[in-house]
PDB file of N, CA and C in Angstrom:
ATOM      1  N   MET A   1       0.874  -1.237   0.030  1.00  0.00           N
ATOM      2  CA  MET A   1       0.021   0.029   0.049  1.00  0.00           C
ATOM      3  C   MET A   1       0.858   1.282  -0.060  1.00  0.00           C
ATOM      4  N   GLU A   2       0.598   2.138  -0.916  1.00  0.00           N
ATOM      5  CA  GLU A   2       1.434   3.344  -0.984  1.00  0.00           C
ATOM      6  C   GLU A   2       0.608   4.459  -0.405  1.00  0.00           C
ATOM      7  N   PHE A   3       1.437   5.269   0.408  1.00  0.00           N
ATOM      8  CA  PHE A   3       0.733   6.447   1.016  1.00  0.00           C
ATOM      9  C   PHE A   3       1.113   7.721   0.186  1.00  0.00           C
ATOM     10  N   PRO A   4       0.263   8.676   0.202  1.00  0.00           N
ATOM     11  CA  PRO A   4       0.402   9.925  -0.509  1.00  0.00           C
ATOM     12  C   PRO A   4       1.624  10.639   0.160  1.00  0.00           C
ATOM     13  N   PRO A   5       2.277  11.461  -0.676  1.00  0.00           N
ATOM     14  CA  PRO A   5       3.438  12.163  -0.119  1.00  0.00           C
ATOM     15  C   PRO A   5       2.972  13.288   0.932  1.00  0.00           C
ATOM     16  N   PHE A   6       3.816  13.527   1.892  1.00  0.00           N
ATOM     17  CA  PHE A   6       3.479  14.614   2.876  1.00  0.00           C
ATOM     18  C   PHE A   6       3.426  15.991   2.124  1.00  0.00           C
ATOM     19  N   PRO A   7       2.499  16.823   2.520  1.00  0.00           N
ATOM     20  CA  PRO A   7       2.480  18.185   1.955  1.00  0.00           C
ATOM     21  C   PRO A   7       3.724  18.916   2.376  1.00  0.00           C
ATOM     22  N   LYS A   8       4.148  19.891   1.554  1.00  0.00           N
ATOM     23  CA  LYS A   8       5.289  20.719   1.911  1.00  0.00           C
ATOM     24  C   LYS A   8       4.841  21.726   2.989  1.00  0.00           C
ATOM     25  N   LEU A   9       5.545  21.706   4.141  1.00  0.00           N
ATOM     26  CA  LEU A   9       5.172  22.622   5.198  1.00  0.00           C
ATOM     27  C   LEU A   9       5.652  24.107   4.925  1.00  0.00           C
ATOM     28  N   LYS A  10       4.847  25.030   5.237  1.00  0.00           N
ATOM     29  CA  LYS A  10       5.164  26.410   5.144  1.00  0.00           C
ATOM     30  C   LYS A  10       5.511  27.017   6.489  1.00  0.00           C
ATOM     31  N   THR A  11       6.565  27.800   6.510  1.00  0.00           N
ATOM     32  CA  THR A  11       7.008  28.462   7.752  1.00  0.00           C
ATOM     33  C   THR A  11       6.155  29.726   7.935  1.00  0.00           C
ATOM     34  N   TYR A  12       5.617  29.852   9.117  1.00  0.00           N
ATOM     35  CA  TYR A  12       4.816  31.113   9.459  1.00  0.00           C
ATOM     36  C   TYR A  12       5.652  32.330   9.418  1.00  0.00           C
ATOM     37  N   ARG A  13       5.349  33.291   8.602  1.00  0.00           N
ATOM     38  CA  ARG A  13       6.014  34.627   8.543  1.00  0.00           C
ATOM     39  C   ARG A  13       5.119  35.687   8.856  1.00  0.00           C
ATOM     40  N   ASN A  14       5.490  36.683   9.597  1.00  0.00           N
ATOM     41  CA  ASN A  14       4.600  37.854   9.866  1.00  0.00           C
ATOM     42  C   ASN A  14       5.533  38.973  10.194  1.00  0.00           C
ATOM     43  N   LYS A  15       5.671  39.939   9.274  1.00  0.00           N
ATOM     44  CA  LYS A  15       6.548  41.157   9.365  1.00  0.00           C
ATOM     45  C   LYS A  15       5.990  42.034  10.533  1.00  0.00           C
ATOM     46  N   LYS A  16       4.614  42.182  10.639  1.00  0.00           N
ATOM     47  CA  LYS A  16       4.094  42.988  11.672  1.00  0.00           C
ATOM     48  C   LYS A  16       4.508  42.464  13.067  1.00  0.00           C
ATOM     49  N   PHE A  17       4.478  41.130  13.195  1.00  0.00           N
ATOM     50  CA  PHE A  17       4.890  40.509  14.506  1.00  0.00           C
ATOM     51  C   PHE A  17       6.351  40.810  14.803  1.00  0.00           C
ATOM     52  N   LEU A  18       7.231  40.654  13.742  1.00  0.00           N
ATOM     53  CA  LEU A  18       8.616  40.922  13.925  1.00  0.00           C
ATOM     54  C   LEU A  18       8.887  42.315  14.373  1.00  0.00           C
ATOM     55  N   ASP A  19       8.196  43.364  13.657  1.00  0.00           N
ATOM     56  CA  ASP A  19       8.324  44.733  14.027  1.00  0.00           C
ATOM     57  C   ASP A  19       7.882  44.960  15.499  1.00  0.00           C
ATOM     58  N   TRP A  20       6.867  44.320  15.878  1.00  0.00           N
ATOM     59  CA  TRP A  20       6.329  44.354  17.219  1.00  0.00           C
ATOM     60  C   TRP A  20       7.445  43.851  18.229  1.00  0.00           C
ATOM     61  N   VAL A  21       8.037  42.728  17.949  1.00  0.00           N
ATOM     62  CA  VAL A  21       9.106  42.216  18.741  1.00  0.00           C
ATOM     63  C   VAL A  21      10.246  43.182  18.870  1.00  0.00           C
ATOM     64  N   LYS A  22      10.614  43.750  17.714  1.00  0.00           N
ATOM     65  CA  LYS A  22      11.721  44.731  17.676  1.00  0.00           C
ATOM     66  C   LYS A  22      11.415  45.979  18.520  1.00  0.00           C
ATOM     67  N   SER A  23      10.203  46.239  18.808  1.00  0.00           N
ATOM     68  CA  SER A  23       9.839  47.409  19.595  1.00  0.00           C
ATOM     69  C   SER A  23       9.992  47.172  21.091  1.00  0.00           C
ATOM     70  N   LYS A  24      10.215  45.945  21.482  1.00  0.00           N
ATOM     71  CA  LYS A  24      10.489  45.529  22.861  1.00  0.00           C
ATOM     72  C   LYS A  24      11.909  45.731  23.311  1.00  0.00           C
ATOM     73  N   PRO A  25      12.230  45.861  24.621  1.00  0.00           N
ATOM     74  CA  PRO A  25      13.635  45.937  25.012  1.00  0.00           C
ATOM     75  C   PRO A  25      14.282  44.544  25.060  1.00  0.00           C
ATOM     76  N   CYS A  26      15.520  44.480  24.996  1.00  0.00           N
ATOM     77  CA  CYS A  26      16.310  43.289  25.056  1.00  0.00           C
ATOM     78  C   CYS A  26      15.857  42.475  26.215  1.00  0.00           C
ATOM     79  N   LEU A  27      15.489  41.185  25.988  1.00  0.00           N
ATOM     80  CA  LEU A  27      15.061  40.267  27.110  1.00  0.00           C
ATOM     81  C   LEU A  27      16.118  40.006  28.096  1.00  0.00           C
ATOM     82  N   ALA A  28      17.474  40.047  27.594  1.00  0.00           N
ATOM     83  CA  ALA A  28      18.507  39.672  28.579  1.00  0.00           C
ATOM     84  C   ALA A  28      18.982  40.942  29.388  1.00  0.00           C
ATOM     85  N   CYS A  29      19.354  41.989  28.684  1.00  0.00           N
ATOM     86  CA  CYS A  29      19.992  43.081  29.354  1.00  0.00           C
ATOM     87  C   CYS A  29      19.029  44.308  29.492  1.00  0.00           C
ATOM     88  N   GLY A  30      18.018  44.385  28.820  1.00  0.00           N
ATOM     89  CA  GLY A  30      17.012  45.561  28.828  1.00  0.00           C
ATOM     90  C   GLY A  30      17.361  46.685  27.933  1.00  0.00           C
ATOM     91  N   SER A  31      18.343  46.644  27.141  1.00  0.00           N
ATOM     92  CA  SER A  31      18.677  47.744  26.291  1.00  0.00           C
ATOM     93  C   SER A  31      17.680  47.785  25.087  1.00  0.00           C
ATOM     94  N   VAL A  32      17.695  48.938  24.448  1.00  0.00           N
ATOM     95  CA  VAL A  32      16.780  49.138  23.290  1.00  0.00           C
ATOM     96  C   VAL A  32      17.647  48.878  21.983  1.00  0.00           C
ATOM     97  N   GLY A  33      16.813  48.774  20.871  1.00  0.00           N
ATOM     98  CA  GLY A  33      17.463  48.520  19.603  1.00  0.00           C
ATOM     99  C   GLY A  33      17.789  47.032  19.403  1.00  0.00           C
ATOM    100  N   VAL A  34      16.683  46.245  19.270  1.00  0.00           N
ATOM    101  CA  VAL A  34      16.908  44.807  19.326  1.00  0.00           C
ATOM    102  C   VAL A  34      16.723  44.225  17.912  1.00  0.00           C
ATOM    103  N   ASP A  35      17.245  42.996  17.902  1.00  0.00           N
ATOM    104  CA  ASP A  35      17.057  42.030  16.773  1.00  0.00           C
ATOM    105  C   ASP A  35      16.163  40.961  17.225  1.00  0.00           C
ATOM    106  N   PRO A  36      15.265  40.551  16.380  1.00  0.00           N
ATOM    107  CA  PRO A  36      14.440  39.297  16.762  1.00  0.00           C
ATOM    108  C   PRO A  36      15.364  38.039  16.720  1.00  0.00           C
ATOM    109  N   HIS A  37      15.387  37.267  17.713  1.00  0.00           N
ATOM    110  CA  HIS A  37      16.161  36.101  17.586  1.00  0.00           C
ATOM    111  C   HIS A  37      15.256  34.869  17.602  1.00  0.00           C
ATOM    112  N   HIS A  38      15.325  34.059  16.573  1.00  0.00           N
ATOM    113  CA  HIS A  38      14.503  32.850  16.428  1.00  0.00           C
ATOM    114  C   HIS A  38      15.082  31.764  17.361  1.00  0.00           C
ATOM    115  N   MET A  39      14.209  31.286  18.250  1.00  0.00           N
ATOM    116  CA  MET A  39      14.631  30.290  19.247  1.00  0.00           C
ATOM    117  C   MET A  39      14.764  28.893  18.751  1.00  0.00           C
ATOM    118  N   ALA A  40      14.227  28.546  17.695  1.00  0.00           N
ATOM    119  CA  ALA A  40      14.346  27.099  17.283  1.00  0.00           C
ATOM    120  C   ALA A  40      14.382  27.034  15.756  1.00  0.00           C
ATOM    121  N   THR A  41      14.712  25.807  15.212  1.00  0.00           N
ATOM    122  CA  THR A  41      14.716  25.611  13.876  1.00  0.00           C
ATOM    123  C   THR A  41      13.450  24.861  13.572  1.00  0.00           C
ATOM    124  N   GLY A  42      13.041  24.907  12.269  1.00  0.00           N
ATOM    125  CA  GLY A  42      11.809  24.268  11.853  1.00  0.00           C
ATOM    126  C   GLY A  42      12.019  22.849  11.357  1.00  0.00           C
ATOM    127  N   GLY A  43      13.204  22.303  11.599  1.00  0.00           N
ATOM    128  CA  GLY A  43      13.534  20.981  11.095  1.00  0.00           C
ATOM    129  C   GLY A  43      14.484  21.017   9.823  1.00  0.00           C
ATOM    130  N   THR A  44      14.707  19.911   9.266  1.00  0.00           N
ATOM    131  CA  THR A  44      15.569  19.902   8.177  1.00  0.00           C
ATOM    132  C   THR A  44      15.029  20.736   6.971  1.00  0.00           C
ATOM    133  N   GLY A  45      15.840  21.760   6.603  1.00  0.00           N
ATOM    134  CA  GLY A  45      15.443  22.510   5.469  1.00  0.00           C
ATOM    135  C   GLY A  45      14.331  23.563   5.700  1.00  0.00           C
ATOM    136  N   LEU A  46      13.916  23.702   6.922  1.00  0.00           N
ATOM    137  CA  LEU A  46      12.816  24.625   7.254  1.00  0.00           C
ATOM    138  C   LEU A  46      13.327  25.678   8.232  1.00  0.00           C
ATOM    139  N   LYS A  47      12.862  26.915   8.072  1.00  0.00           N
ATOM    140  CA  LYS A  47      13.275  27.899   8.956  1.00  0.00           C
ATOM    141  C   LYS A  47      12.218  27.989  10.121  1.00  0.00           C
ATOM    142  N   CYS A  48      12.568  28.478  11.208  1.00  0.00           N
ATOM    143  CA  CYS A  48      11.690  28.610  12.322  1.00  0.00           C
ATOM    144  C   CYS A  48      10.569  29.592  12.138  1.00  0.00           C
ATOM    145  N   SER A  49       9.431  29.357  12.686  1.00  0.00           N
ATOM    146  CA  SER A  49       8.362  30.247  12.676  1.00  0.00           C
ATOM    147  C   SER A  49       8.792  31.564  13.311  1.00  0.00           C
ATOM    148  N   ASP A  50       8.147  32.695  12.732  1.00  0.00           N
ATOM    149  CA  ASP A  50       8.382  34.025  13.385  1.00  0.00           C
ATOM    150  C   ASP A  50       7.793  34.065  14.680  1.00  0.00           C
ATOM    151  N   LEU A  51       6.895  33.269  15.077  1.00  0.00           N
ATOM    152  CA  LEU A  51       6.321  33.336  16.402  1.00  0.00           C
ATOM    153  C   LEU A  51       7.330  32.907  17.521  1.00  0.00           C
ATOM    154  N   PHE A  52       8.360  32.165  17.110  1.00  0.00           N
ATOM    155  CA  PHE A  52       9.291  31.673  18.123  1.00  0.00           C
ATOM    156  C   PHE A  52      10.523  32.673  18.189  1.00  0.00           C
ATOM    157  N   CYS A  53      10.208  33.929  18.173  1.00  0.00           N
ATOM    158  CA  CYS A  53      11.295  34.920  18.372  1.00  0.00           C
ATOM    159  C   CYS A  53      11.241  35.641  19.806  1.00  0.00           C
ATOM    160  N   ILE A  54      12.342  36.151  20.166  1.00  0.00           N
ATOM    161  CA  ILE A  54      12.553  36.903  21.353  1.00  0.00           C
ATOM    162  C   ILE A  54      13.305  38.205  20.973  1.00  0.00           C
ATOM    163  N   PRO A  55      13.131  39.367  21.722  1.00  0.00           N
ATOM    164  CA  PRO A  55      13.876  40.490  21.435  1.00  0.00           C
ATOM    165  C   PRO A  55      15.266  40.402  22.139  1.00  0.00           C
ATOM    166  N   LEU A  56      16.341  40.474  21.352  1.00  0.00           N
ATOM    167  CA  LEU A  56      17.654  40.588  21.945  1.00  0.00           C
ATOM    168  C   LEU A  56      18.426  41.749  21.256  1.00  0.00           C
ATOM    169  N   CYS A  57      19.201  42.459  22.019  1.00  0.00           N
ATOM    170  CA  CYS A  57      20.124  43.520  21.426  1.00  0.00           C
ATOM    171  C   CYS A  57      21.257  42.767  20.660  1.00  0.00           C
ATOM    172  N   ARG A  58      21.900  43.541  19.872  1.00  0.00           N
ATOM    173  CA  ARG A  58      22.887  42.925  18.962  1.00  0.00           C
ATOM    174  C   ARG A  58      23.941  42.178  19.773  1.00  0.00           C
ATOM    175  N   LYS A  59      24.350  42.775  20.897  1.00  0.00           N
ATOM    176  CA  LYS A  59      25.453  42.137  21.736  1.00  0.00           C
ATOM    177  C   LYS A  59      24.934  40.770  22.291  1.00  0.00           C
ATOM    178  N   CYS A  60      23.770  40.773  22.950  1.00  0.00           N
ATOM    179  CA  CYS A  60      23.216  39.501  23.442  1.00  0.00           C
ATOM    180  C   CYS A  60      22.862  38.500  22.425  1.00  0.00           C
ATOM    181  N   HIS A  61      22.360  38.980  21.250  1.00  0.00           N
ATOM    182  CA  HIS A  61      21.997  38.090  20.205  1.00  0.00           C
ATOM    183  C   HIS A  61      23.300  37.414  19.686  1.00  0.00           C
ATOM    184  N   THR A  62      24.398  38.081  19.529  1.00  0.00           N
ATOM    185  CA  THR A  62      25.633  37.471  19.138  1.00  0.00           C
ATOM    186  C   THR A  62      26.088  36.436  20.072  1.00  0.00           C
ATOM    187  N   LEU A  63      26.052  36.684  21.336  1.00  0.00           N
ATOM    188  CA  LEU A  63      26.390  35.772  22.421  1.00  0.00           C
ATOM    189  C   LEU A  63      25.510  34.463  22.317  1.00  0.00           C
ATOM    190  N   VAL A  64      24.295  34.674  22.170  1.00  0.00           N
ATOM    191  CA  VAL A  64      23.238  33.481  22.012  1.00  0.00           C
ATOM    192  C   VAL A  64      23.655  32.716  20.782  1.00  0.00           C
ATOM    193  N   GLU A  65      23.761  33.322  19.623  1.00  0.00           N
ATOM    194  CA  GLU A  65      24.155  32.745  18.439  1.00  0.00           C
ATOM    195  C   GLU A  65      25.418  31.905  18.401  1.00  0.00           C
ATOM    196  N   ASP A  66      26.397  32.429  19.224  1.00  0.00           N
ATOM    197  CA  ASP A  66      27.739  31.840  19.326  1.00  0.00           C
ATOM    198  C   ASP A  66      27.724  30.725  20.394  1.00  0.00           C
ATOM    199  N   GLY A  67      26.571  30.518  21.093  1.00  0.00           N
ATOM    200  CA  GLY A  67      26.381  29.383  22.048  1.00  0.00           C
ATOM    201  C   GLY A  67      26.899  29.892  23.431  1.00  0.00           C
ATOM    202  N   PHE A  68      26.833  31.101  23.816  1.00  0.00           N
ATOM    203  CA  PHE A  68      27.328  31.536  25.120  1.00  0.00           C
ATOM    204  C   PHE A  68      26.194  31.993  26.015  1.00  0.00           C
ATOM    205  N   TRP A  69      25.120  31.072  26.157  1.00  0.00           N
ATOM    206  CA  TRP A  69      23.966  31.267  27.052  1.00  0.00           C
ATOM    207  C   TRP A  69      24.518  31.526  28.412  1.00  0.00           C
ATOM    208  N   GLN A  70      25.621  30.885  28.908  1.00  0.00           N
ATOM    209  CA  GLN A  70      26.029  30.887  30.207  1.00  0.00           C
ATOM    210  C   GLN A  70      26.542  32.272  30.660  1.00  0.00           C
ATOM    211  N   LEU A  71      27.113  33.031  29.697  1.00  0.00           N
ATOM    212  CA  LEU A  71      27.468  34.370  30.012  1.00  0.00           C
ATOM    213  C   LEU A  71      26.274  35.213  30.353  1.00  0.00           C
ATOM    214  N   LEU A  72      25.209  35.047  29.582  1.00  0.00           N
ATOM    215  CA  LEU A  72      24.082  35.810  29.752  1.00  0.00           C
ATOM    216  C   LEU A  72      23.361  35.443  31.103  1.00  0.00           C
ATOM    217  N   GLU A  73      23.461  34.120  31.424  1.00  0.00           N
ATOM    218  CA  GLU A  73      22.887  33.653  32.706  1.00  0.00           C
ATOM    219  C   GLU A  73      23.636  34.222  33.841  1.00  0.00           C
ATOM    220  N   LEU A  74      24.967  34.279  33.776  1.00  0.00           N
ATOM    221  CA  LEU A  74      25.811  34.857  34.861  1.00  0.00           C
ATOM    222  C   LEU A  74      25.515  36.343  35.002  1.00  0.00           C
ATOM    223  N   ARG A  75      25.548  37.060  33.909  1.00  0.00           N
ATOM    224  CA  ARG A  75      25.330  38.514  33.906  1.00  0.00           C
ATOM    225  C   ARG A  75      23.976  38.960  34.299  1.00  0.00           C
ATOM    226  N   TYR A  76      22.920  38.374  33.650  1.00  0.00           N
ATOM    227  CA  TYR A  76      21.586  38.873  33.793  1.00  0.00           C
ATOM    228  C   TYR A  76      20.505  37.866  34.262  1.00  0.00           C
ATOM    229  N   ALA A  77      21.009  36.637  34.674  1.00  0.00           N
ATOM    230  CA  ALA A  77      20.013  35.618  35.081  1.00  0.00           C
ATOM    231  C   ALA A  77      19.068  35.251  33.935  1.00  0.00           C
ATOM    232  N   PHE A  78      19.523  35.371  32.719  1.00  0.00           N
ATOM    233  CA  PHE A  78      18.815  35.008  31.588  1.00  0.00           C
ATOM    234  C   PHE A  78      19.144  33.582  31.057  1.00  0.00           C
ATOM    235  N   THR A  79      18.183  32.826  31.019  1.00  0.00           N
ATOM    236  CA  THR A  79      18.370  31.370  30.689  1.00  0.00           C
ATOM    237  C   THR A  79      17.399  31.088  29.464  1.00  0.00           C
ATOM    238  N   GLU A  80      17.667  29.849  28.844  1.00  0.00           N
ATOM    239  CA  GLU A  80      16.782  29.372  27.782  1.00  0.00           C
ATOM    240  C   GLU A  80      15.380  29.182  28.217  1.00  0.00           C
ATOM    241  N   SER A  81      15.197  28.801  29.482  1.00  0.00           N
ATOM    242  CA  SER A  81      13.764  28.591  30.009  1.00  0.00           C
ATOM    243  C   SER A  81      13.128  29.950  30.105  1.00  0.00           C
ATOM    244  N   VAL A  82      13.837  31.011  30.538  1.00  0.00           N
ATOM    245  CA  VAL A  82      13.259  32.336  30.587  1.00  0.00           C
ATOM    246  C   VAL A  82      12.830  32.735  29.140  1.00  0.00           C
ATOM    247  N   ALA A  83      13.723  32.485  28.181  1.00  0.00           N
ATOM    248  CA  ALA A  83      13.451  32.811  26.817  1.00  0.00           C
ATOM    249  C   ALA A  83      12.253  32.139  26.293  1.00  0.00           C
ATOM    250  N   TRP A  84      12.042  30.759  26.549  1.00  0.00           N
ATOM    251  CA  TRP A  84      10.889  30.092  26.125  1.00  0.00           C
ATOM    252  C   TRP A  84       9.681  30.555  26.739  1.00  0.00           C
ATOM    253  N   ARG A  85       9.698  30.918  27.966  1.00  0.00           N
ATOM    254  CA  ARG A  85       8.486  31.445  28.704  1.00  0.00           C
ATOM    255  C   ARG A  85       8.147  32.762  27.996  1.00  0.00           C
ATOM    256  N   ARG A  86       9.095  33.561  27.673  1.00  0.00           N
ATOM    257  CA  ARG A  86       8.817  34.818  27.032  1.00  0.00           C
ATOM    258  C   ARG A  86       8.149  34.569  25.589  1.00  0.00           C
ATOM    259  N   VAL A  87       8.599  33.642  24.928  1.00  0.00           N
ATOM    260  CA  VAL A  87       7.982  33.258  23.633  1.00  0.00           C
ATOM    261  C   VAL A  87       6.511  32.921  23.862  1.00  0.00           C
ATOM    262  N   ALA A  88       6.166  32.167  24.852  1.00  0.00           N
ATOM    263  CA  ALA A  88       4.762  31.859  25.145  1.00  0.00           C
ATOM    264  C   ALA A  88       4.039  33.092  25.497  1.00  0.00           C
ATOM    265  N   GLU A  89       4.518  33.918  26.361  1.00  0.00           N
ATOM    266  CA  GLU A  89       3.893  35.166  26.716  1.00  0.00           C
ATOM    267  C   GLU A  89       3.626  36.139  25.557  1.00  0.00           C
ATOM    268  N   GLN A  90       4.604  36.191  24.722  1.00  0.00           N
ATOM    269  CA  GLN A  90       4.385  36.997  23.503  1.00  0.00           C
ATOM    270  C   GLN A  90       3.428  36.622  22.534  1.00  0.00           C
ATOM    271  N   MET A  91       3.316  35.191  22.342  1.00  0.00           N
ATOM    272  CA  MET A  91       2.246  34.700  21.524  1.00  0.00           C
ATOM    273  C   MET A  91       0.893  34.994  22.117  1.00  0.00           C
ATOM    274  N   GLN A  92       0.788  34.815  23.408  1.00  0.00           N
ATOM    275  CA  GLN A  92      -0.516  35.082  24.069  1.00  0.00           C
ATOM    276  C   GLN A  92      -0.813  36.563  23.909  1.00  0.00           C
ATOM    277  N   GLU A  93       0.115  37.424  24.249  1.00  0.00           N
ATOM    278  CA  GLU A  93      -0.130  38.868  24.111  1.00  0.00           C
ATOM    279  C   GLU A  93      -0.449  39.293  22.658  1.00  0.00           C
ATOM    280  N   TRP A  94       0.167  38.755  21.705  1.00  0.00           N
ATOM    281  CA  TRP A  94      -0.033  39.111  20.300  1.00  0.00           C
ATOM    282  C   TRP A  94      -1.333  38.707  19.792  1.00  0.00           C
ATOM    283  N   PHE A  95      -1.775  37.409  20.072  1.00  0.00           N
ATOM    284  CA  PHE A  95      -2.974  36.975  19.547  1.00  0.00           C
ATOM    285  C   PHE A  95      -4.326  37.381  20.375  1.00  0.00           C
ATOM    286  N   LEU A  96      -4.071  37.813  21.619  1.00  0.00           N
ATOM    287  CA  LEU A  96      -5.167  38.238  22.441  1.00  0.00           C
ATOM    288  C   LEU A  96      -5.407  39.711  22.251  1.00  0.00           C
ATOM    289  N   LYS A  97      -4.422  40.423  21.805  1.00  0.00           N
ATOM    290  CA  LYS A  97      -4.423  41.857  21.628  1.00  0.00           C
ATOM    291  C   LYS A  97      -5.421  42.206  20.497  1.00  0.00           C
ATOM    292  N   LYS A  98      -6.420  43.010  20.825  1.00  0.00           N
ATOM    293  CA  LYS A  98      -7.378  43.456  19.878  1.00  0.00           C
ATOM    294  C   LYS A  98      -8.125  42.287  19.139  1.00  0.00           C
ATOM    295  N   GLY A  99      -8.322  41.282  19.827  1.00  0.00           N
ATOM    296  CA  GLY A  99      -9.077  40.114  19.325  1.00  0.00           C
ATOM    297  C   GLY A  99      -8.409  39.355  18.156  1.00  0.00           C
ATOM    298  N   GLY A 100      -7.096  39.413  18.089  1.00  0.00           N
ATOM    299  CA  GLY A 100      -6.395  38.685  17.058  1.00  0.00           C
ATOM    300  C   GLY A 100      -6.255  39.508  15.748  1.00  0.00           C
ATOM    301  N   GLU A 101      -6.540  40.756  15.737  1.00  0.00           N
ATOM    302  CA  GLU A 101      -6.516  41.414  14.417  1.00  0.00           C
ATOM    303  C   GLU A 101      -5.024  41.699  13.996  1.00  0.00           C
ATOM    304  N   ASN A 102      -4.069  41.370  14.891  1.00  0.00           N
ATOM    305  CA  ASN A 102      -2.660  41.599  14.530  1.00  0.00           C
ATOM    306  C   ASN A 102      -2.183  40.476  13.678  1.00  0.00           C
ATOM    307  N   ASP A 103      -2.954  39.497  13.441  1.00  0.00           N
ATOM    308  CA  ASP A 103      -2.341  38.286  12.662  1.00  0.00           C
ATOM    309  C   ASP A 103      -2.227  38.581  11.166  1.00  0.00           C
ATOM    310  N   GLY A 104      -2.352  39.775  10.667  1.00  0.00           N
ATOM    311  CA  GLY A 104      -2.295  39.960   9.298  1.00  0.00           C
ATOM    312  C   GLY A 104      -0.944  39.966   8.757  1.00  0.00           C
ATOM    313  N   GLY A 105      -0.027  39.304   8.499  1.00  0.00           N
ATOM    314  CA  GLY A 105       1.396  39.482   8.178  1.00  0.00           C
ATOM    315  C   GLY A 105       1.664  39.451   6.891  1.00  0.00           C
TER     316      GLY A 105
END
């Protein structure tokens, strides 16, 4: 028995959401002027959804990208679990704000 091929998955993109994340202070150090940092990958060949972003300044973003979470944890008590909690809070805030009208991306 042959099964049909899996459909190609599309990664969720939303420029309005990313702009909203950029308006927030850095989650680690609190400075302004942030880059959205994607917390996860979407799997082989897929990019992570924009919903899994946190606001990080350029300095903290570089540390995270280079694998130095420990430095941020020592300096600011910022851990991956704090970051994932913020991802969940942002999704809730974004989709509940104005009855979900922000989802236009």
